[in-house]
Amino acid sequence: MRNYLVEGGSATGKTSVCHELRRRGFHAINGDTDLAYQGDPETGEPLDGPGSHWHHIWPVDRVRALAGDGTEPATFFCGGSRNHARFIDVFDEVFVLDVDLATLERRLDARPDEFGATGEERELVVRLHLTGEGLPDPATRIDAARPLHVVVDEILMRVSGDDNLDGFAGAAGRVDLDD
């Protein structure tokens, strides 16, 4: 059983990668919709009030339980969390999706109802993009400005050499550029 984290800043494609992994038959968890809540990154205590990028966290015990489940040969956790340092040790590899600034701005323009839509949020997204602040390190960087199938192919090629996944990629989805 292997666990992989697919992280990245806003609008880098984490949700799209999650959907594509699922489409190909892989076990993928969308951290933003399946796990995330507003809480204190240190204590995990839920917080009331308006949402904040700095308090977008995942429940540590639940992440650890899902990672230790053992019913799937591999699980991909896709999304961002401000408390990833509290459970990063459960991942066999961490991927960080990265895009150039022009691609980021184009993607933000295309999603007017999501985080990064307001002027203040957009400034934060761009600043975080430029600094890399809050992203896991070390991590394998993936150029996510490319077509989605190429991005997912690269992630799968990088994990296909994993001895515990022999045959898994072939059973669940092809790993080639024609997919």
N, C-alpha and C. Protein backbone atom coordinates (compact mmCIF):
# COMPACT_ATOMS: atom_id res chain seq x y z
N MET A 1 0.85 -1.17 0.00
CA MET A 1 0.00 0.00 0.00
C MET A 1 0.89 1.23 0.00
N ARG A 2 0.60 2.16 -0.90
CA ARG A 2 1.39 3.37 -1.05
C ARG A 2 0.46 4.56 -1.00
N ASN A 3 1.00 5.69 -0.53
CA ASN A 3 0.24 6.92 -0.43
C ASN A 3 1.03 8.06 -1.04
N TYR A 4 0.32 8.86 -1.83
CA TYR A 4 0.96 9.97 -2.53
C TYR A 4 0.16 11.25 -2.29
N LEU A 5 0.87 12.34 -2.11
CA LEU A 5 0.24 13.65 -1.96
C LEU A 5 0.46 14.44 -3.24
N VAL A 6 -0.63 15.00 -3.78
CA VAL A 6 -0.57 15.88 -4.94
C VAL A 6 -0.99 17.26 -4.44
N GLU A 7 -0.03 18.14 -4.26
CA GLU A 7 -0.24 19.47 -3.68
C GLU A 7 0.03 20.52 -4.74
N GLY A 8 -0.11 21.77 -4.36
CA GLY A 8 0.17 22.88 -5.25
C GLY A 8 -0.65 24.08 -4.83
N GLY A 9 -0.32 25.21 -5.37
CA GLY A 9 -1.06 26.42 -5.07
C GLY A 9 -2.44 26.40 -5.72
N SER A 10 -3.20 27.43 -5.44
CA SER A 10 -4.52 27.56 -6.05
C SER A 10 -4.40 27.58 -7.57
N ALA A 11 -5.34 26.92 -8.23
CA ALA A 11 -5.46 26.91 -9.69
C ALA A 11 -4.32 26.18 -10.41
N THR A 12 -3.61 25.30 -9.71
CA THR A 12 -2.55 24.54 -10.36
C THR A 12 -3.06 23.21 -10.92
N GLY A 13 -4.29 22.81 -10.55
CA GLY A 13 -4.87 21.61 -11.15
C GLY A 13 -5.04 20.43 -10.22
N LYS A 14 -4.98 20.64 -8.92
CA LYS A 14 -5.11 19.52 -7.98
C LYS A 14 -6.43 18.76 -8.14
N THR A 15 -7.53 19.50 -8.23
CA THR A 15 -8.84 18.86 -8.38
C THR A 15 -8.95 18.15 -9.72
N SER A 16 -8.46 18.77 -10.77
CA SER A 16 -8.49 18.13 -12.09
C SER A 16 -7.68 16.84 -12.10
N VAL A 17 -6.51 16.84 -11.47
CA VAL A 17 -5.69 15.64 -11.38
C VAL A 17 -6.44 14.56 -10.61
N CYS A 18 -7.10 14.94 -9.53
CA CYS A 18 -7.87 13.99 -8.73
C CYS A 18 -8.95 13.33 -9.58
N HIS A 19 -9.71 14.14 -10.32
CA HIS A 19 -10.78 13.60 -11.17
C HIS A 19 -10.21 12.67 -12.25
N GLU A 20 -9.08 13.05 -12.82
CA GLU A 20 -8.48 12.22 -13.88
C GLU A 20 -7.96 10.90 -13.31
N LEU A 21 -7.35 10.94 -12.13
CA LEU A 21 -6.90 9.71 -11.49
C LEU A 21 -8.10 8.78 -11.23
N ARG A 22 -9.18 9.35 -10.73
CA ARG A 22 -10.39 8.55 -10.49
C ARG A 22 -10.93 7.97 -11.79
N ARG A 23 -10.96 8.80 -12.84
CA ARG A 23 -11.46 8.33 -14.13
C ARG A 23 -10.65 7.13 -14.62
N ARG A 24 -9.36 7.13 -14.32
CA ARG A 24 -8.49 6.04 -14.75
C ARG A 24 -8.53 4.84 -13.80
N GLY A 25 -9.34 4.94 -12.76
CA GLY A 25 -9.52 3.80 -11.86
C GLY A 25 -8.67 3.81 -10.61
N PHE A 26 -7.98 4.88 -10.36
CA PHE A 26 -7.15 4.97 -9.16
C PHE A 26 -7.95 5.49 -7.97
N HIS A 27 -7.54 5.12 -6.79
CA HIS A 27 -8.16 5.63 -5.57
C HIS A 27 -7.57 7.01 -5.28
N ALA A 28 -8.39 8.04 -5.43
CA ALA A 28 -7.94 9.42 -5.24
C ALA A 28 -8.92 10.15 -4.34
N ILE A 29 -8.39 10.84 -3.38
CA ILE A 29 -9.18 11.60 -2.42
C ILE A 29 -9.01 13.08 -2.71
N ASN A 30 -10.12 13.79 -2.88
CA ASN A 30 -10.08 15.24 -3.08
C ASN A 30 -10.07 15.88 -1.70
N GLY A 31 -8.89 16.31 -1.29
CA GLY A 31 -8.73 16.88 0.04
C GLY A 31 -9.58 18.12 0.26
N ASP A 32 -9.80 18.90 -0.79
CA ASP A 32 -10.57 20.14 -0.63
C ASP A 32 -12.05 19.86 -0.36
N THR A 33 -12.59 18.79 -0.92
CA THR A 33 -14.01 18.50 -0.71
C THR A 33 -14.24 17.35 0.28
N ASP A 34 -13.31 16.41 0.38
CA ASP A 34 -13.51 15.23 1.22
C ASP A 34 -12.91 15.36 2.62
N LEU A 35 -11.97 16.28 2.79
CA LEU A 35 -11.26 16.36 4.07
C LEU A 35 -11.24 17.75 4.71
N ALA A 36 -11.12 18.78 3.93
CA ALA A 36 -10.80 20.12 4.44
C ALA A 36 -11.88 20.73 5.32
N TYR A 37 -11.41 21.48 6.29
CA TYR A 37 -12.27 22.30 7.13
C TYR A 37 -11.44 23.48 7.62
N GLN A 38 -12.10 24.45 8.22
CA GLN A 38 -11.42 25.61 8.78
C GLN A 38 -11.05 25.30 10.22
N GLY A 39 -9.73 25.32 10.50
CA GLY A 39 -9.28 24.98 11.84
C GLY A 39 -7.91 25.56 12.12
N ASP A 40 -7.49 25.41 13.35
CA ASP A 40 -6.17 25.86 13.78
C ASP A 40 -5.14 24.85 13.28
N PRO A 41 -4.17 25.27 12.45
CA PRO A 41 -3.20 24.32 11.90
C PRO A 41 -2.35 23.61 12.95
N GLU A 42 -2.19 24.20 14.12
CA GLU A 42 -1.38 23.56 15.16
C GLU A 42 -2.19 22.56 15.98
N THR A 43 -3.39 22.94 16.39
CA THR A 43 -4.18 22.09 17.28
C THR A 43 -5.23 21.26 16.56
N GLY A 44 -5.64 21.70 15.37
CA GLY A 44 -6.70 21.02 14.65
C GLY A 44 -8.09 21.42 15.10
N GLU A 45 -8.18 22.27 16.10
CA GLU A 45 -9.48 22.71 16.60
C GLU A 45 -10.23 23.49 15.52
N PRO A 46 -11.51 23.13 15.27
CA PRO A 46 -12.31 23.86 14.28
C PRO A 46 -12.47 25.33 14.69
N LEU A 47 -12.56 26.18 13.68
CA LEU A 47 -12.73 27.61 13.91
C LEU A 47 -14.04 28.08 13.29
N ASP A 48 -14.67 29.03 13.95
CA ASP A 48 -15.87 29.66 13.41
C ASP A 48 -15.46 30.89 12.63
N GLY A 49 -16.39 31.40 11.87
CA GLY A 49 -16.12 32.63 11.14
C GLY A 49 -15.84 32.38 9.68
N PRO A 50 -15.49 33.44 8.98
CA PRO A 50 -15.25 33.32 7.54
C PRO A 50 -14.03 32.45 7.25
N GLY A 51 -14.05 31.81 6.10
CA GLY A 51 -12.94 30.95 5.71
C GLY A 51 -11.66 31.73 5.47
N SER A 52 -10.55 31.06 5.67
CA SER A 52 -9.24 31.66 5.48
C SER A 52 -8.28 30.64 4.89
N HIS A 53 -7.48 31.08 3.96
CA HIS A 53 -6.45 30.21 3.39
C HIS A 53 -5.57 29.62 4.49
N TRP A 54 -5.26 30.41 5.48
CA TRP A 54 -4.33 30.01 6.54
C TRP A 54 -4.92 28.97 7.48
N HIS A 55 -6.24 28.77 7.43
CA HIS A 55 -6.90 27.81 8.32
C HIS A 55 -7.55 26.66 7.55
N HIS A 56 -7.18 26.49 6.30
CA HIS A 56 -7.67 25.40 5.45
C HIS A 56 -6.83 24.17 5.78
N ILE A 57 -7.39 23.28 6.63
CA ILE A 57 -6.60 22.13 7.12
C ILE A 57 -7.36 20.82 6.92
N TRP A 58 -6.62 19.74 7.08
CA TRP A 58 -7.20 18.40 7.01
C TRP A 58 -7.11 17.76 8.39
N PRO A 59 -8.07 16.88 8.73
CA PRO A 59 -8.04 16.19 10.03
C PRO A 59 -6.91 15.15 10.06
N VAL A 60 -5.95 15.38 10.92
CA VAL A 60 -4.75 14.53 10.96
C VAL A 60 -5.10 13.07 11.18
N ASP A 61 -5.96 12.77 12.14
CA ASP A 61 -6.30 11.37 12.43
C ASP A 61 -6.98 10.69 11.25
N ARG A 62 -7.83 11.43 10.54
CA ARG A 62 -8.52 10.84 9.38
C ARG A 62 -7.55 10.58 8.24
N VAL A 63 -6.62 11.52 7.99
CA VAL A 63 -5.62 11.32 6.94
C VAL A 63 -4.79 10.08 7.27
N ARG A 64 -4.36 9.98 8.52
CA ARG A 64 -3.55 8.82 8.91
C ARG A 64 -4.35 7.51 8.77
N ALA A 65 -5.63 7.54 9.12
CA ALA A 65 -6.46 6.34 9.00
C ALA A 65 -6.63 5.95 7.53
N LEU A 66 -6.91 6.91 6.67
CA LEU A 66 -7.06 6.62 5.24
C LEU A 66 -5.75 6.09 4.65
N ALA A 67 -4.64 6.67 5.06
CA ALA A 67 -3.33 6.24 4.55
C ALA A 67 -3.00 4.83 5.02
N GLY A 68 -3.49 4.44 6.17
CA GLY A 68 -3.19 3.12 6.72
C GLY A 68 -4.24 2.08 6.42
N ASP A 69 -5.25 2.44 5.66
CA ASP A 69 -6.40 1.57 5.39
C ASP A 69 -6.01 0.23 4.80
N GLY A 70 -5.20 0.20 3.78
CA GLY A 70 -4.72 -1.06 3.21
C GLY A 70 -5.65 -1.74 2.23
N THR A 71 -6.83 -1.20 1.96
CA THR A 71 -7.73 -1.85 1.01
C THR A 71 -7.40 -1.50 -0.43
N GLU A 72 -6.60 -0.47 -0.64
CA GLU A 72 -6.19 -0.06 -1.98
C GLU A 72 -4.67 -0.16 -2.09
N PRO A 73 -4.15 -0.56 -3.23
CA PRO A 73 -2.69 -0.64 -3.37
C PRO A 73 -2.03 0.75 -3.34
N ALA A 74 -2.81 1.78 -3.72
CA ALA A 74 -2.27 3.14 -3.70
C ALA A 74 -3.42 4.12 -3.51
N THR A 75 -3.13 5.18 -2.79
CA THR A 75 -4.10 6.26 -2.61
C THR A 75 -3.40 7.57 -2.92
N PHE A 76 -4.06 8.39 -3.73
CA PHE A 76 -3.57 9.72 -4.06
C PHE A 76 -4.42 10.73 -3.30
N PHE A 77 -3.81 11.52 -2.45
CA PHE A 77 -4.47 12.60 -1.73
C PHE A 77 -4.19 13.88 -2.51
N CYS A 78 -5.23 14.51 -3.03
CA CYS A 78 -5.06 15.67 -3.89
C CYS A 78 -5.67 16.90 -3.23
N GLY A 79 -4.86 17.91 -3.02
CA GLY A 79 -5.38 19.14 -2.43
C GLY A 79 -4.35 19.81 -1.55
N GLY A 80 -4.75 20.97 -1.05
CA GLY A 80 -3.86 21.74 -0.21
C GLY A 80 -4.31 21.74 1.23
N SER A 81 -3.35 21.79 2.12
CA SER A 81 -3.63 21.81 3.54
C SER A 81 -2.54 22.61 4.25
N ARG A 82 -2.94 23.48 5.12
CA ARG A 82 -1.96 24.28 5.86
C ARG A 82 -1.32 23.50 7.00
N ASN A 83 -1.79 22.31 7.27
CA ASN A 83 -1.19 21.50 8.34
C ASN A 83 -0.55 20.22 7.80
N HIS A 84 -0.13 20.22 6.54
CA HIS A 84 0.44 19.01 5.95
C HIS A 84 1.66 18.50 6.71
N ALA A 85 2.37 19.37 7.38
CA ALA A 85 3.56 18.94 8.13
C ALA A 85 3.21 17.95 9.25
N ARG A 86 1.96 17.93 9.68
CA ARG A 86 1.55 17.05 10.77
C ARG A 86 1.28 15.62 10.31
N PHE A 87 1.22 15.41 8.97
CA PHE A 87 0.99 14.05 8.47
C PHE A 87 1.80 13.72 7.22
N ILE A 88 2.73 14.57 6.86
CA ILE A 88 3.51 14.37 5.62
C ILE A 88 4.26 13.04 5.63
N ASP A 89 4.54 12.53 6.81
CA ASP A 89 5.30 11.28 6.94
C ASP A 89 4.55 10.06 6.42
N VAL A 90 3.23 10.15 6.18
CA VAL A 90 2.49 8.99 5.67
C VAL A 90 2.62 8.84 4.16
N PHE A 91 3.23 9.82 3.49
CA PHE A 91 3.29 9.80 2.03
C PHE A 91 4.63 9.24 1.55
N ASP A 92 4.54 8.36 0.57
CA ASP A 92 5.73 7.78 -0.04
C ASP A 92 6.39 8.76 -0.99
N GLU A 93 5.59 9.64 -1.57
CA GLU A 93 6.13 10.70 -2.41
C GLU A 93 5.15 11.86 -2.42
N VAL A 94 5.72 13.06 -2.52
CA VAL A 94 4.92 14.28 -2.58
C VAL A 94 5.19 14.94 -3.92
N PHE A 95 4.10 15.27 -4.62
CA PHE A 95 4.18 15.98 -5.89
C PHE A 95 3.60 17.37 -5.68
N VAL A 96 4.28 18.37 -6.20
CA VAL A 96 3.77 19.74 -6.17
C VAL A 96 3.53 20.19 -7.61
N LEU A 97 2.28 20.49 -7.91
CA LEU A 97 1.92 20.98 -9.23
C LEU A 97 2.34 22.44 -9.33
N ASP A 98 2.94 22.78 -10.44
CA ASP A 98 3.46 24.14 -10.62
C ASP A 98 3.07 24.62 -12.01
N VAL A 99 2.72 25.90 -12.10
CA VAL A 99 2.40 26.53 -13.37
C VAL A 99 3.13 27.86 -13.44
N ASP A 100 3.27 28.38 -14.66
CA ASP A 100 3.85 29.71 -14.81
C ASP A 100 2.80 30.75 -14.43
N LEU A 101 3.23 31.98 -14.21
CA LEU A 101 2.32 33.04 -13.76
C LEU A 101 1.21 33.32 -14.75
N ALA A 102 1.51 33.33 -16.04
CA ALA A 102 0.49 33.60 -17.06
C ALA A 102 -0.60 32.52 -17.03
N THR A 103 -0.21 31.26 -16.87
CA THR A 103 -1.18 30.17 -16.79
C THR A 103 -2.02 30.32 -15.53
N LEU A 104 -1.37 30.64 -14.42
CA LEU A 104 -2.09 30.84 -13.16
C LEU A 104 -3.16 31.93 -13.33
N GLU A 105 -2.78 33.06 -13.88
CA GLU A 105 -3.72 34.17 -14.03
C GLU A 105 -4.86 33.81 -14.97
N ARG A 106 -4.58 33.08 -16.05
CA ARG A 106 -5.62 32.65 -16.97
C ARG A 106 -6.60 31.70 -16.27
N ARG A 107 -6.07 30.78 -15.46
CA ARG A 107 -6.93 29.84 -14.75
C ARG A 107 -7.77 30.56 -13.69
N LEU A 108 -7.19 31.51 -13.00
CA LEU A 108 -7.95 32.28 -12.01
C LEU A 108 -9.08 33.05 -12.69
N ASP A 109 -8.81 33.61 -13.85
CA ASP A 109 -9.85 34.33 -14.61
C ASP A 109 -11.01 33.41 -14.97
N ALA A 110 -10.71 32.14 -15.21
CA ALA A 110 -11.73 31.18 -15.67
C ALA A 110 -12.56 30.60 -14.53
N ARG A 111 -12.23 30.93 -13.29
CA ARG A 111 -12.99 30.38 -12.16
C ARG A 111 -13.42 31.50 -11.21
N PRO A 112 -14.42 32.26 -11.62
CA PRO A 112 -14.81 33.45 -10.88
C PRO A 112 -15.50 33.19 -9.54
N ASP A 113 -15.91 31.95 -9.26
CA ASP A 113 -16.61 31.66 -8.01
C ASP A 113 -15.78 30.84 -7.03
N GLU A 114 -14.49 30.74 -7.27
CA GLU A 114 -13.63 29.94 -6.39
C GLU A 114 -12.59 30.83 -5.74
N PHE A 115 -11.82 30.23 -4.82
CA PHE A 115 -10.78 30.99 -4.12
C PHE A 115 -9.83 31.61 -5.14
N GLY A 116 -9.55 32.88 -4.95
CA GLY A 116 -8.70 33.63 -5.86
C GLY A 116 -9.50 34.57 -6.74
N ALA A 117 -10.83 34.58 -6.57
CA ALA A 117 -11.69 35.40 -7.42
C ALA A 117 -11.69 36.87 -7.01
N THR A 118 -11.61 37.15 -5.71
CA THR A 118 -11.62 38.54 -5.28
C THR A 118 -10.22 39.13 -5.41
N GLY A 119 -10.14 40.44 -5.44
CA GLY A 119 -8.84 41.10 -5.58
C GLY A 119 -7.87 40.72 -4.48
N GLU A 120 -8.34 40.71 -3.23
CA GLU A 120 -7.48 40.37 -2.10
C GLU A 120 -7.01 38.91 -2.18
N GLU A 121 -7.93 38.01 -2.51
CA GLU A 121 -7.56 36.59 -2.64
C GLU A 121 -6.56 36.39 -3.77
N ARG A 122 -6.81 37.07 -4.88
CA ARG A 122 -5.92 36.92 -6.04
C ARG A 122 -4.51 37.41 -5.70
N GLU A 123 -4.41 38.52 -5.00
CA GLU A 123 -3.09 39.01 -4.58
C GLU A 123 -2.38 37.97 -3.73
N LEU A 124 -3.12 37.33 -2.82
CA LEU A 124 -2.53 36.30 -1.98
C LEU A 124 -2.08 35.10 -2.82
N VAL A 125 -2.92 34.66 -3.73
CA VAL A 125 -2.58 33.51 -4.59
C VAL A 125 -1.31 33.80 -5.38
N VAL A 126 -1.22 34.98 -5.96
CA VAL A 126 -0.05 35.34 -6.76
C VAL A 126 1.19 35.42 -5.87
N ARG A 127 1.06 36.02 -4.70
CA ARG A 127 2.21 36.11 -3.78
C ARG A 127 2.69 34.72 -3.38
N LEU A 128 1.75 33.85 -3.02
CA LEU A 128 2.12 32.49 -2.63
C LEU A 128 2.74 31.73 -3.80
N HIS A 129 2.23 31.98 -5.00
CA HIS A 129 2.80 31.35 -6.19
C HIS A 129 4.26 31.78 -6.38
N LEU A 130 4.51 33.06 -6.22
CA LEU A 130 5.86 33.58 -6.44
C LEU A 130 6.85 33.14 -5.37
N THR A 131 6.36 32.96 -4.13
CA THR A 131 7.26 32.61 -3.03
C THR A 131 7.32 31.10 -2.75
N GLY A 132 6.26 30.37 -3.12
CA GLY A 132 6.20 28.95 -2.79
C GLY A 132 5.88 28.70 -1.33
N GLU A 133 5.54 29.76 -0.62
CA GLU A 133 5.24 29.66 0.81
C GLU A 133 4.10 28.67 1.07
N GLY A 134 4.29 27.82 2.06
CA GLY A 134 3.26 26.89 2.48
C GLY A 134 3.21 25.59 1.71
N LEU A 135 4.06 25.42 0.72
CA LEU A 135 4.07 24.17 -0.04
C LEU A 135 5.05 23.19 0.59
N PRO A 136 4.74 21.90 0.52
CA PRO A 136 5.65 20.90 1.08
C PRO A 136 7.00 20.91 0.37
N ASP A 137 8.04 20.71 1.13
CA ASP A 137 9.38 20.62 0.58
C ASP A 137 10.16 19.68 1.47
N PRO A 138 10.82 18.68 0.95
CA PRO A 138 11.07 18.43 -0.47
C PRO A 138 9.84 17.82 -1.15
N ALA A 139 9.78 18.02 -2.44
CA ALA A 139 8.70 17.48 -3.26
C ALA A 139 9.18 17.38 -4.70
N THR A 140 8.53 16.53 -5.45
CA THR A 140 8.79 16.41 -6.88
C THR A 140 7.89 17.42 -7.59
N ARG A 141 8.50 18.35 -8.29
CA ARG A 141 7.74 19.38 -9.01
C ARG A 141 7.24 18.81 -10.33
N ILE A 142 5.98 19.11 -10.62
CA ILE A 142 5.35 18.67 -11.87
C ILE A 142 4.86 19.91 -12.60
N ASP A 143 5.26 20.04 -13.86
CA ASP A 143 4.81 21.17 -14.68
C ASP A 143 3.35 20.93 -15.05
N ALA A 144 2.45 21.63 -14.37
CA ALA A 144 1.02 21.43 -14.55
C ALA A 144 0.41 22.40 -15.55
N ALA A 145 1.24 23.12 -16.29
CA ALA A 145 0.73 23.98 -17.35
C ALA A 145 0.45 23.17 -18.62
N ARG A 146 0.91 21.95 -18.62
CA ARG A 146 0.71 21.05 -19.77
C ARG A 146 -0.70 20.46 -19.73
N PRO A 147 -1.12 19.80 -20.80
CA PRO A 147 -2.44 19.16 -20.80
C PRO A 147 -2.58 18.17 -19.64
N LEU A 148 -3.79 18.07 -19.12
CA LEU A 148 -4.05 17.24 -17.94
C LEU A 148 -3.57 15.80 -18.11
N HIS A 149 -3.83 15.18 -19.26
CA HIS A 149 -3.42 13.78 -19.42
C HIS A 149 -1.90 13.63 -19.34
N VAL A 150 -1.16 14.63 -19.77
CA VAL A 150 0.30 14.57 -19.70
C VAL A 150 0.77 14.72 -18.25
N VAL A 151 0.12 15.60 -17.51
CA VAL A 151 0.46 15.79 -16.09
C VAL A 151 0.22 14.50 -15.31
N VAL A 152 -0.94 13.89 -15.51
CA VAL A 152 -1.26 12.65 -14.79
C VAL A 152 -0.36 11.51 -15.27
N ASP A 153 -0.07 11.45 -16.55
CA ASP A 153 0.86 10.43 -17.06
C ASP A 153 2.20 10.55 -16.35
N GLU A 154 2.70 11.77 -16.18
CA GLU A 154 4.00 11.94 -15.52
C GLU A 154 3.95 11.47 -14.07
N ILE A 155 2.90 11.82 -13.36
CA ILE A 155 2.77 11.35 -11.97
C ILE A 155 2.76 9.83 -11.93
N LEU A 156 1.97 9.22 -12.80
CA LEU A 156 1.88 7.76 -12.81
C LEU A 156 3.18 7.10 -13.24
N MET A 157 3.89 7.71 -14.17
CA MET A 157 5.20 7.16 -14.57
C MET A 157 6.17 7.20 -13.39
N ARG A 158 6.09 8.26 -12.60
CA ARG A 158 7.00 8.38 -11.46
C ARG A 158 6.68 7.37 -10.36
N VAL A 159 5.42 6.98 -10.22
CA VAL A 159 5.08 5.99 -9.19
C VAL A 159 5.08 4.57 -9.73
N SER A 160 5.10 4.40 -11.06
CA SER A 160 5.02 3.05 -11.64
C SER A 160 6.23 2.20 -11.33
N GLY A 161 7.35 2.80 -11.01
CA GLY A 161 8.54 2.04 -10.65
C GLY A 161 8.49 1.52 -9.23
N ASP A 162 7.47 1.88 -8.50
CA ASP A 162 7.29 1.45 -7.12
C ASP A 162 6.97 -0.04 -7.10
N ASP A 163 7.79 -0.84 -6.44
CA ASP A 163 7.62 -2.29 -6.42
C ASP A 163 6.24 -2.71 -5.93
N ASN A 164 5.64 -1.96 -5.02
CA ASN A 164 4.34 -2.32 -4.49
C ASN A 164 3.20 -2.02 -5.46
N LEU A 165 3.50 -1.36 -6.57
CA LEU A 165 2.45 -1.02 -7.55
C LEU A 165 2.61 -1.79 -8.84
N ASP A 166 3.51 -2.78 -8.87
CA ASP A 166 3.69 -3.55 -10.10
C ASP A 166 2.35 -4.06 -10.60
N GLY A 167 2.05 -3.76 -11.84
CA GLY A 167 0.81 -4.22 -12.45
C GLY A 167 -0.39 -3.34 -12.14
N PHE A 168 -0.30 -2.50 -11.14
CA PHE A 168 -1.45 -1.68 -10.76
C PHE A 168 -1.81 -0.69 -11.84
N ALA A 169 -0.82 0.00 -12.39
CA ALA A 169 -1.11 0.99 -13.43
C ALA A 169 -1.72 0.32 -14.64
N GLY A 170 -1.26 -0.87 -14.97
CA GLY A 170 -1.82 -1.57 -16.11
C GLY A 170 -3.26 -1.99 -15.87
N ALA A 171 -3.58 -2.32 -14.64
CA ALA A 171 -4.94 -2.75 -14.32
C ALA A 171 -5.88 -1.58 -14.22
N ALA A 172 -5.39 -0.45 -13.75
CA ALA A 172 -6.29 0.68 -13.48
C ALA A 172 -6.29 1.74 -14.56
N GLY A 173 -5.26 1.81 -15.33
CA GLY A 173 -5.23 2.85 -16.35
C GLY A 173 -3.89 2.85 -17.06
N ARG A 174 -3.92 3.17 -18.34
CA ARG A 174 -2.67 3.21 -19.09
C ARG A 174 -1.84 4.41 -18.65
N VAL A 175 -0.55 4.25 -18.79
CA VAL A 175 0.36 5.36 -18.52
C VAL A 175 1.10 5.64 -19.83
N ASP A 176 0.44 6.38 -20.70
CA ASP A 176 1.09 6.79 -21.94
C ASP A 176 0.48 8.11 -22.39
N LEU A 177 1.11 8.73 -23.33
CA LEU A 177 0.68 10.05 -23.75
C LEU A 177 -0.53 10.01 -24.67
N ASP A 178 -0.97 8.83 -25.08
CA ASP A 178 -2.14 8.74 -25.94
C ASP A 178 -3.43 8.58 -25.14
N ASP A 179 -3.34 8.51 -23.84
CA ASP A 179 -4.51 8.27 -22.99
C ASP A 179 -5.52 9.40 -23.08
